[in-house]
Amino acid sequence: MKVDTYLSMVLENNKIDPELYAKYNVKRGLRNADGTGVLVGLTRVGDVHGYIIDENERIAVDGKLYYRGIDVEDIVRYVQEEHRYGFEETVYLLMFGQLPTKEQLEEFNDFLAEHRRLPDNFAEDAIMKAPSPDIMNKLARSVLTCYAYDPNPEDLSYENVLRQCLELIARFPTMVAYAYVAKKHYYDHESLFIHTPEKLSSTAETILSLIRPDKKFTSLEAEILDLALILHAEHGGGNNSTFAVHLISSADTDTYSAIAAGVGSLKGFKHGGANIKVMGMMEDIKRGVKNWEDEDEVAAYLIKILKGEAFDRTGLIYGQGHAVYTKSDPRATLLRDKAAELAKEKGFEKEFNLYRTIEKLVPIVFKQVKGADKSICTNVDFYSGFVYHMLGIPGELYTPLFAVSRVAGWCAHRMEEIISGGKIIRPAYKCVQPRLPYVPMAERK
């Protein structure tokens, strides 16, 4: 049997007339006609603010991101002023709903460090003996495998689910790093190295030490990776992966199944894989534009991309625009400012200036090509891949590092769902398939 034999039937019998969505007022993608999300839940974990509604018109404003009611810009500012790492404090805030004291944070850091090591034989049996060419695929499998190493995996008591969540948050950096080195060895035929997680003070330091053969890194490298982890940790309950965790959690399934669903969602190019698309686009621009300092030449190439004449011919400029943010994405602004420091240290100032030029020109060329006076802001994906590139982190780790950060938000939302959700999430689908009679076998053609 050849699959392509049946493809024409699958294509024919799964097409839905686009006009029917309007006829039945279907909220495609759970979006309203104005692009805003359909309200399906309440949360205290995170809030994304990117516009205001005035007389049914969406008004662009500077973007804001709040973790448990606290502006993420304030979190970053105080962490940087105090010259310390902030991701662990961010995890504490998201999971427990309040900022820790110095003593509480030290105790929490000790817990994370203690649980970074995987269960006995896990690395050998679950990762090294069954590697994957895709690290997100391996991460999802590793999360599900944790079920077998848990003495009480099905207990949905709040205390047990909290334990499971905190252990997963601690283990994610190690699972990702080991999946990476296994992939490099078994698929790319490079030398195998496996480092035991040390009791370092931050997740960022742990990641950099585990993925590098010599375990070495600079303080600035760790600081900017810590910043990226802070900025990716949470983004409200409506983003695709977090909603997936809410959805699966509402069915009263185990923690590992719910978090694996989040990993599967984040793996998609429309969600967590967007920064990889940005890097591919930027490489195309660097090849296609001879003089990166010539704004006219850069603008001309951006127009070609918008018209579907360059890069992947989708007509999309990746890393620009957002479903919620209009004037600005606060994550992109914070990451850009720190990226400037790293570019200077690493010798990437020319590339950084090209990024800034593109950020400046996109709204202009978009209006020129599309004819719409729409607010287009640079989103966090535009700079995150560039930051990872400057850190020497390969593209195959971009989305897994996103997961290392976002698992904190997923776990916070899982706790919220099982405590306050109550009902299984079940939206409606209208069937538009006409009724047909059953045809006996002898009469079929």
Protein backbone atom coordinates (compact mmCIF):
# COMPACT_ATOMS: atom_id res chain seq x y z
CA MET A 1 0.00 0.00 0.00
CA LYS A 2 1.30 3.43 -0.95
CA VAL A 3 0.12 6.41 1.05
CA ASP A 4 -0.03 8.67 -2.00
CA THR A 5 -2.70 6.36 -3.44
CA TYR A 6 -5.08 7.64 -0.79
CA LEU A 7 -3.92 11.24 -0.60
CA SER A 8 -6.37 12.58 -3.20
CA MET A 9 -9.30 11.20 -1.18
CA VAL A 10 -7.95 12.71 2.03
CA LEU A 11 -7.52 16.10 0.39
CA GLU A 12 -10.96 16.02 -1.22
CA ASN A 13 -12.82 14.92 1.90
CA ASN A 14 -11.17 17.27 4.38
CA LYS A 15 -11.60 20.60 2.61
CA ILE A 16 -14.06 23.00 4.21
CA ASP A 17 -15.46 25.96 2.30
CA PRO A 18 -13.93 29.10 3.90
CA GLU A 19 -17.27 30.91 3.53
CA LEU A 20 -18.84 28.50 6.00
CA TYR A 21 -16.66 29.83 8.81
CA ALA A 22 -18.18 33.28 8.32
CA LYS A 23 -21.68 31.85 7.87
CA TYR A 24 -21.60 30.07 11.22
CA ASN A 25 -19.59 32.81 12.98
CA VAL A 26 -16.75 30.42 13.76
CA LYS A 27 -13.93 31.94 15.81
CA ARG A 28 -11.10 30.45 13.77
CA GLY A 29 -8.00 30.03 15.89
CA LEU A 30 -10.14 31.15 18.83
CA ARG A 31 -9.77 34.70 17.49
CA ASN A 32 -12.39 37.41 17.22
CA ALA A 33 -12.86 39.30 13.96
CA ASP A 34 -10.56 42.09 15.19
CA GLY A 35 -7.75 39.63 15.90
CA THR A 36 -8.18 39.57 19.66
CA GLY A 37 -8.43 36.25 21.44
CA VAL A 38 -11.74 34.72 22.48
CA LEU A 39 -12.04 34.87 26.28
CA VAL A 40 -12.10 31.26 27.49
CA GLY A 41 -10.54 31.46 30.94
CA LEU A 42 -9.19 33.49 33.83
CA THR A 43 -5.67 33.49 35.26
CA ARG A 44 -3.60 35.13 37.97
CA VAL A 45 -0.28 33.89 36.60
CA GLY A 46 0.57 36.25 33.75
CA ASP A 47 -0.85 39.10 31.71
CA VAL A 48 0.03 40.38 28.25
CA HIS A 49 -1.06 43.94 27.50
CA GLY A 50 -0.61 45.27 23.98
CA TYR A 51 -3.60 47.44 23.11
CA ILE A 52 -6.74 49.10 24.45
CA ILE A 53 -10.26 48.95 23.04
CA ASP A 54 -11.94 52.34 22.60
CA GLU A 55 -15.43 52.35 21.06
CA ASN A 56 -14.81 48.93 19.51
CA GLU A 57 -11.54 50.12 17.95
CA ARG A 58 -8.20 48.57 18.86
CA ILE A 59 -5.74 51.30 19.90
CA ALA A 60 -1.99 50.54 19.82
CA VAL A 61 -0.03 51.08 23.04
CA ASP A 62 3.42 50.14 24.32
CA GLY A 63 3.47 46.49 25.32
CA LYS A 64 3.57 45.31 28.91
CA LEU A 65 4.14 41.84 30.36
CA TYR A 66 3.25 41.03 33.95
CA TYR A 67 4.25 38.03 36.05
CA ARG A 68 1.82 37.63 38.97
CA GLY A 69 0.97 41.31 38.60
CA ILE A 70 4.59 42.49 38.58
CA ASP A 71 5.98 44.24 35.49
CA VAL A 72 8.69 42.04 33.96
CA GLU A 73 10.67 45.20 33.17
CA ASP A 74 10.89 45.88 36.92
CA ILE A 75 12.01 42.31 37.58
CA VAL A 76 14.80 42.63 35.02
CA ARG A 77 15.81 46.11 36.17
CA TYR A 78 16.25 45.12 39.82
CA VAL A 79 18.01 41.86 38.96
CA GLN A 80 20.50 43.73 36.78
CA GLU A 81 21.00 46.54 39.30
CA GLU A 82 21.75 43.95 42.00
CA HIS A 83 24.10 42.03 39.66
CA ARG A 84 22.50 38.63 40.18
CA TYR A 85 20.65 35.99 38.21
CA GLY A 86 16.88 36.26 38.14
CA PHE A 87 15.36 33.20 36.47
CA GLU A 88 15.07 31.21 39.70
CA GLU A 89 13.33 34.13 41.41
CA THR A 90 11.00 34.32 38.40
CA VAL A 91 10.15 30.63 38.73
CA TYR A 92 9.47 31.13 42.44
CA LEU A 93 7.19 34.08 41.68
CA LEU A 94 5.25 32.24 38.97
CA MET A 95 4.84 29.03 40.96
CA PHE A 96 4.10 30.44 44.41
CA GLY A 97 2.58 33.81 43.57
CA GLN A 98 4.96 36.01 45.55
CA LEU A 99 8.56 37.18 45.56
CA PRO A 100 10.96 35.22 47.77
CA THR A 101 13.08 36.58 50.58
CA LYS A 102 16.82 36.04 50.29
CA GLU A 103 16.60 32.99 52.54
CA GLN A 104 13.63 31.54 50.64
CA LEU A 105 15.40 32.01 47.31
CA GLU A 106 18.55 30.31 48.60
CA GLU A 107 16.47 27.36 49.81
CA PHE A 108 14.66 27.18 46.46
CA ASN A 109 17.95 27.31 44.55
CA ASP A 110 19.21 24.40 46.66
CA PHE A 111 16.07 22.42 45.79
CA LEU A 112 16.55 23.03 42.06
CA ALA A 113 20.26 22.15 42.22
CA GLU A 114 19.50 18.95 44.12
CA HIS A 115 16.93 17.81 41.55
CA ARG A 116 18.85 18.72 38.38
CA ARG A 117 20.41 15.28 38.40
CA LEU A 118 18.20 12.78 36.63
CA PRO A 119 17.01 9.58 38.35
CA ASP A 120 19.43 6.65 38.42
CA ASN A 121 19.91 5.07 34.96
CA PHE A 122 17.58 7.65 33.33
CA ALA A 123 20.25 9.27 31.18
CA GLU A 124 21.60 5.94 29.94
CA ASP A 125 18.31 4.10 29.40
CA ALA A 126 15.93 6.89 28.36
CA ILE A 127 18.25 9.24 26.47
CA MET A 128 21.52 7.65 25.36
CA LYS A 129 19.99 4.35 24.28
CA ALA A 130 17.15 6.07 22.41
CA PRO A 131 18.45 9.36 20.96
CA SER A 132 16.48 11.49 18.54
CA PRO A 133 17.54 13.77 15.67
CA ASP A 134 15.15 16.38 17.12
CA ILE A 135 15.76 17.57 20.68
CA MET A 136 12.17 18.71 21.27
CA ASN A 137 10.99 15.24 20.27
CA LYS A 138 13.46 13.72 22.72
CA LEU A 139 12.41 16.19 25.43
CA ALA A 140 8.74 15.21 25.08
CA ARG A 141 9.69 11.54 25.31
CA SER A 142 11.89 12.22 28.33
CA VAL A 143 9.06 14.04 30.10
CA LEU A 144 6.72 11.11 29.49
CA THR A 145 9.41 8.67 30.67
CA CYS A 146 9.58 10.49 34.01
CA TYR A 147 6.19 8.89 34.70
CA ALA A 148 7.87 5.48 35.02
CA TYR A 149 10.41 6.83 37.52
CA ASP A 150 7.76 8.48 39.71
CA PRO A 151 6.56 6.38 42.66
CA ASN A 152 3.18 8.12 42.58
CA PRO A 153 2.57 9.42 39.03
CA GLU A 154 -1.26 9.40 39.02
CA ASP A 155 -1.84 11.16 42.34
CA LEU A 156 -3.57 14.47 41.50
CA SER A 157 -3.37 15.90 45.01
CA TYR A 158 -2.10 19.47 45.00
CA GLU A 159 1.01 18.54 46.97
CA ASN A 160 1.98 15.71 44.63
CA VAL A 161 1.37 17.71 41.45
CA LEU A 162 3.43 20.58 42.88
CA ARG A 163 6.28 18.16 43.62
CA GLN A 164 6.13 16.81 40.07
CA CYS A 165 6.11 20.30 38.59
CA LEU A 166 9.08 21.52 40.60
CA GLU A 167 11.09 18.41 39.78
CA LEU A 168 10.37 18.85 36.07
CA ILE A 169 11.44 22.50 36.17
CA ALA A 170 14.73 21.41 37.76
CA ARG A 171 15.27 18.52 35.33
CA PHE A 172 14.51 20.30 32.05
CA PRO A 173 18.01 21.85 31.59
CA THR A 174 19.66 18.47 32.13
CA MET A 175 17.24 16.57 29.89
CA VAL A 176 17.73 19.11 27.10
CA ALA A 177 21.53 19.12 27.44
CA TYR A 178 21.78 15.32 27.45
CA ALA A 179 19.41 15.04 24.48
CA TYR A 180 21.65 17.50 22.66
CA VAL A 181 24.96 15.72 23.33
CA ALA A 182 23.35 12.37 22.43
CA LYS A 183 22.11 13.81 19.14
CA LYS A 184 25.53 15.29 18.35
CA HIS A 185 27.20 11.93 19.01
CA TYR A 186 24.81 9.44 17.45
CA TYR A 187 23.55 11.52 14.51
CA ASP A 188 26.33 14.02 13.83
CA HIS A 189 29.16 11.59 14.76
CA GLU A 190 30.89 13.98 17.14
CA SER A 191 32.69 13.06 20.35
CA LEU A 192 30.42 12.29 23.28
CA PHE A 193 30.75 14.26 26.51
CA ILE A 194 28.41 14.09 29.49
CA HIS A 195 28.83 16.48 32.40
CA THR A 196 27.20 15.98 35.77
CA PRO A 197 25.18 19.07 36.78
CA GLU A 198 27.07 21.06 39.37
CA LYS A 199 25.47 23.00 42.16
CA LEU A 200 25.84 26.32 40.37
CA SER A 201 23.86 29.37 41.37
CA SER A 202 21.74 29.66 38.25
CA THR A 203 19.96 27.72 35.54
CA ALA A 204 21.79 29.75 32.88
CA GLU A 205 25.19 28.70 34.23
CA THR A 206 24.03 25.09 34.40
CA ILE A 207 22.92 25.08 30.76
CA LEU A 208 26.13 26.63 29.44
CA SER A 209 28.30 24.25 31.45
CA LEU A 210 26.37 21.17 30.29
CA ILE A 211 26.39 21.90 26.54
CA ARG A 212 30.05 22.92 26.24
CA PRO A 213 32.88 20.36 26.23
CA ASP A 214 35.08 22.54 28.45
CA LYS A 215 32.15 23.78 30.59
CA LYS A 216 33.49 27.35 30.32
CA PHE A 217 31.49 30.57 29.86
CA THR A 218 31.76 34.28 30.64
CA SER A 219 29.65 36.14 33.16
CA LEU A 220 28.07 38.22 30.37
CA GLU A 221 27.10 35.04 28.49
CA ALA A 222 25.39 33.67 31.59
CA GLU A 223 23.70 37.01 32.31
CA ILE A 224 22.16 37.33 28.85
CA LEU A 225 21.01 33.70 28.81
CA ASP A 226 19.45 34.29 32.24
CA LEU A 227 17.65 37.31 30.79
CA ALA A 228 16.34 35.24 27.89
CA LEU A 229 15.05 32.64 30.35
CA ILE A 230 13.27 35.30 32.40
CA LEU A 231 11.60 36.80 29.33
CA HIS A 232 10.36 33.46 27.95
CA ALA A 233 9.05 32.01 31.22
CA GLU A 234 5.40 33.04 30.89
CA HIS A 235 3.08 34.75 28.42
CA GLY A 236 -0.47 34.43 29.70
CA GLY A 237 -2.89 31.52 29.50
CA GLY A 238 -3.87 31.92 25.86
CA ASN A 239 -0.63 31.17 24.03
CA ASN A 240 -0.78 27.85 22.23
CA SER A 241 1.44 25.72 24.46
CA THR A 242 0.08 27.06 27.76
CA PHE A 243 -3.49 26.63 26.55
CA ALA A 244 -2.55 23.07 25.59
CA VAL A 245 -1.42 22.47 29.18
CA HIS A 246 -4.69 23.96 30.47
CA LEU A 247 -6.63 21.80 28.01
CA ILE A 248 -4.91 18.52 28.92
CA SER A 249 -4.89 19.33 32.64
CA SER A 250 -8.65 19.90 32.58
CA ALA A 251 -9.09 16.22 31.67
CA ASP A 252 -7.54 15.21 35.03
CA THR A 253 -4.60 13.44 33.44
CA ASP A 254 -1.12 13.16 34.93
CA THR A 255 1.43 15.96 35.05
CA TYR A 256 3.82 14.33 32.60
CA SER A 257 1.14 14.00 29.91
CA ALA A 258 0.12 17.64 30.36
CA ILE A 259 3.66 19.04 30.19
CA ALA A 260 4.56 16.81 27.23
CA ALA A 261 1.60 18.37 25.40
CA GLY A 262 3.11 21.80 26.03
CA VAL A 263 6.42 20.60 24.59
CA GLY A 264 4.66 19.27 21.50
CA SER A 265 2.91 22.58 20.95
CA LEU A 266 6.05 24.66 21.45
CA LYS A 267 7.88 22.52 18.90
CA GLY A 268 5.74 23.98 16.09
CA PHE A 269 7.18 26.67 13.82
CA LYS A 270 4.11 28.85 14.39
CA HIS A 271 4.94 28.95 18.10
CA GLY A 272 8.33 28.17 19.65
CA GLY A 273 10.20 27.57 16.41
CA ALA A 274 9.74 31.12 15.11
CA ASN A 275 13.26 32.28 16.03
CA ILE A 276 14.71 29.57 13.79
CA LYS A 277 12.74 31.07 10.91
CA VAL A 278 14.16 34.48 11.81
CA MET A 279 17.72 33.17 11.64
CA GLY A 280 17.09 31.57 8.26
CA MET A 281 15.61 34.83 6.97
CA MET A 282 18.53 36.86 8.29
CA GLU A 283 21.05 34.60 6.59
CA ASP A 284 19.12 35.08 3.35
CA ILE A 285 19.14 38.86 3.81
CA LYS A 286 22.88 38.89 4.54
CA ARG A 287 23.50 37.01 1.31
CA GLY A 288 21.08 39.09 -0.74
CA VAL A 289 22.12 42.55 0.48
CA LYS A 290 25.63 43.58 -0.52
CA ASN A 291 25.88 46.71 1.64
CA TRP A 292 24.24 46.17 5.04
CA GLU A 293 24.63 49.87 5.85
CA ASP A 294 22.65 50.97 2.77
CA GLU A 295 19.10 51.41 4.08
CA ASP A 296 17.69 51.68 0.55
CA GLU A 297 19.19 48.34 -0.44
CA VAL A 298 17.99 46.69 2.78
CA ALA A 299 14.50 48.14 2.29
CA ALA A 300 14.40 46.90 -1.31
CA TYR A 301 15.17 43.36 -0.17
CA LEU A 302 12.56 43.52 2.60
CA ILE A 303 10.02 44.53 -0.06
CA LYS A 304 11.00 41.46 -2.09
CA ILE A 305 10.36 39.29 0.98
CA LEU A 306 6.97 40.92 1.58
CA LYS A 307 6.01 40.35 -2.04
CA GLY A 308 6.93 36.68 -1.78
CA GLU A 309 9.90 37.07 -4.12
CA ALA A 310 12.67 36.22 -1.63
CA PHE A 311 13.56 33.84 1.22
CA ASP A 312 10.77 31.24 1.66
CA ARG A 313 8.32 33.18 -0.55
CA THR A 314 5.59 33.26 2.10
CA GLY A 315 5.48 37.06 2.12
CA LEU A 316 6.31 37.08 5.84
CA ILE A 317 9.05 39.01 7.60
CA TYR A 318 9.70 36.81 10.61
CA GLY A 319 10.20 38.35 14.03
CA GLN A 320 7.91 41.26 13.18
CA GLY A 321 4.36 41.73 14.43
CA HIS A 322 2.52 40.00 17.25
CA ALA A 323 -0.98 38.77 18.04
CA VAL A 324 -1.23 41.02 21.12
CA TYR A 325 1.63 43.54 21.13
CA THR A 326 1.18 46.52 18.82
CA LYS A 327 3.64 49.36 19.45
CA SER A 328 6.31 47.33 21.21
CA ASP A 329 7.15 43.93 22.68
CA PRO A 330 8.84 44.58 26.05
CA ARG A 331 10.74 41.30 25.80
CA ALA A 332 12.31 42.33 22.49
CA THR A 333 13.30 45.72 23.88
CA LEU A 334 14.99 44.24 26.96
CA LEU A 335 16.76 41.52 24.98
CA ARG A 336 17.91 43.98 22.30
CA ASP A 337 19.55 46.26 24.85
CA LYS A 338 21.53 43.38 26.36
CA ALA A 339 22.30 41.95 22.92
CA ALA A 340 24.14 45.18 22.10
CA GLU A 341 26.60 44.45 24.92
CA LEU A 342 27.12 40.88 23.80
CA ALA A 343 27.59 41.94 20.16
CA LYS A 344 30.39 44.26 21.23
CA GLU A 345 32.09 41.53 23.28
CA LYS A 346 31.74 38.88 20.56
CA GLY A 347 32.48 41.03 17.50
CA PHE A 348 28.97 40.95 16.04
CA GLU A 349 28.38 44.71 15.93
CA LYS A 350 27.95 44.77 12.15
CA GLU A 351 25.24 42.09 12.32
CA PHE A 352 23.58 43.82 15.27
CA ASN A 353 23.39 47.07 13.31
CA LEU A 354 21.71 45.19 10.46
CA TYR A 355 19.09 43.90 12.89
CA ARG A 356 18.47 47.45 14.11
CA THR A 357 18.17 48.71 10.53
CA ILE A 358 15.59 46.06 9.68
CA GLU A 359 13.65 46.84 12.86
CA LYS A 360 13.55 50.49 11.79
CA LEU A 361 12.55 49.81 8.18
CA VAL A 362 9.88 47.11 8.56
CA PRO A 363 6.97 49.46 9.46
CA ILE A 364 7.89 51.69 6.52
CA VAL A 365 8.10 48.96 3.89
CA PHE A 366 5.03 47.21 5.28
CA LYS A 367 2.97 50.34 4.78
CA GLN A 368 4.48 50.81 1.33
CA VAL A 369 3.66 47.26 0.17
CA LYS A 370 0.44 46.54 2.05
CA GLY A 371 -0.94 50.06 2.05
CA ALA A 372 -2.14 49.64 5.63
CA ASP A 373 -1.22 51.96 8.47
CA LYS A 374 -0.85 49.14 10.97
CA SER A 375 1.38 49.11 14.03
CA ILE A 376 4.13 46.55 13.44
CA CYS A 377 6.50 45.90 16.31
CA THR A 378 9.57 43.72 16.56
CA ASN A 379 8.85 40.66 18.70
CA VAL A 380 11.16 38.69 20.97
CA ASP A 381 11.84 36.03 18.32
CA PHE A 382 13.69 38.60 16.21
CA TYR A 383 16.51 38.97 18.73
CA SER A 384 16.45 35.69 20.68
CA GLY A 385 17.92 33.59 17.88
CA PHE A 386 20.63 36.21 17.29
CA VAL A 387 21.49 36.17 20.99
CA TYR A 388 21.77 32.37 21.01
CA HIS A 389 23.89 32.55 17.85
CA MET A 390 26.30 34.96 19.53
CA LEU A 391 26.48 32.58 22.49
CA GLY A 392 27.57 29.81 20.15
CA ILE A 393 24.36 27.90 20.78
CA PRO A 394 23.28 25.93 17.69
CA GLY A 395 19.83 26.41 16.15
CA GLU A 396 18.69 22.95 17.22
CA LEU A 397 18.75 24.18 20.85
CA TYR A 398 16.79 27.42 20.36
CA THR A 399 13.33 25.96 20.94
CA PRO A 400 14.46 23.52 23.67
CA LEU A 401 15.89 26.47 25.61
CA PHE A 402 12.52 28.16 25.20
CA ALA A 403 11.00 25.06 26.80
CA VAL A 404 13.49 25.15 29.70
CA SER A 405 12.13 28.60 30.46
CA ARG A 406 8.44 28.18 29.61
CA VAL A 407 8.02 25.00 31.67
CA ALA A 408 7.81 27.35 34.66
CA GLY A 409 4.75 29.04 33.17
CA TRP A 410 3.23 25.72 32.12
CA CYS A 411 3.56 24.33 35.62
CA ALA A 412 2.11 27.47 37.21
CA HIS A 413 -0.89 27.26 34.88
CA ARG A 414 -1.31 23.53 35.54
CA MET A 415 -1.53 24.21 39.26
CA GLU A 416 -4.05 26.98 38.58
CA GLU A 417 -6.16 24.73 36.33
CA ILE A 418 -6.44 21.86 38.80
CA ILE A 419 -7.14 24.25 41.70
CA SER A 420 -9.60 26.60 40.00
CA GLY A 421 -10.56 25.14 36.60
CA GLY A 422 -13.07 22.51 37.59
CA LYS A 423 -14.57 21.63 34.22
CA ILE A 424 -13.06 19.76 31.30
CA ILE A 425 -12.46 22.15 28.40
CA ARG A 426 -14.79 21.21 25.56
CA PRO A 427 -15.48 23.77 22.82
CA ALA A 428 -18.02 23.10 20.06
CA TYR A 429 -17.45 22.01 16.46
CA LYS A 430 -20.28 22.15 13.93
CA CYS A 431 -20.37 19.30 11.43
CA VAL A 432 -20.87 20.52 7.84
CA GLN A 433 -20.66 17.10 6.23
CA PRO A 434 -23.90 16.32 4.31
CA ARG A 435 -25.76 13.18 5.40
CA LEU A 436 -25.09 10.21 3.11
CA PRO A 437 -26.68 6.75 2.83
CA TYR A 438 -24.68 3.63 3.61
CA VAL A 439 -23.86 1.80 0.36
CA PRO A 440 -23.63 -2.01 0.53
CA MET A 441 -20.31 -3.47 -0.61
CA ALA A 442 -21.72 -5.01 -3.78
CA GLU A 443 -23.08 -1.66 -4.97
CA ARG A 444 -19.93 0.42 -4.48
CA LYS A 445 -17.97 1.70 -7.45
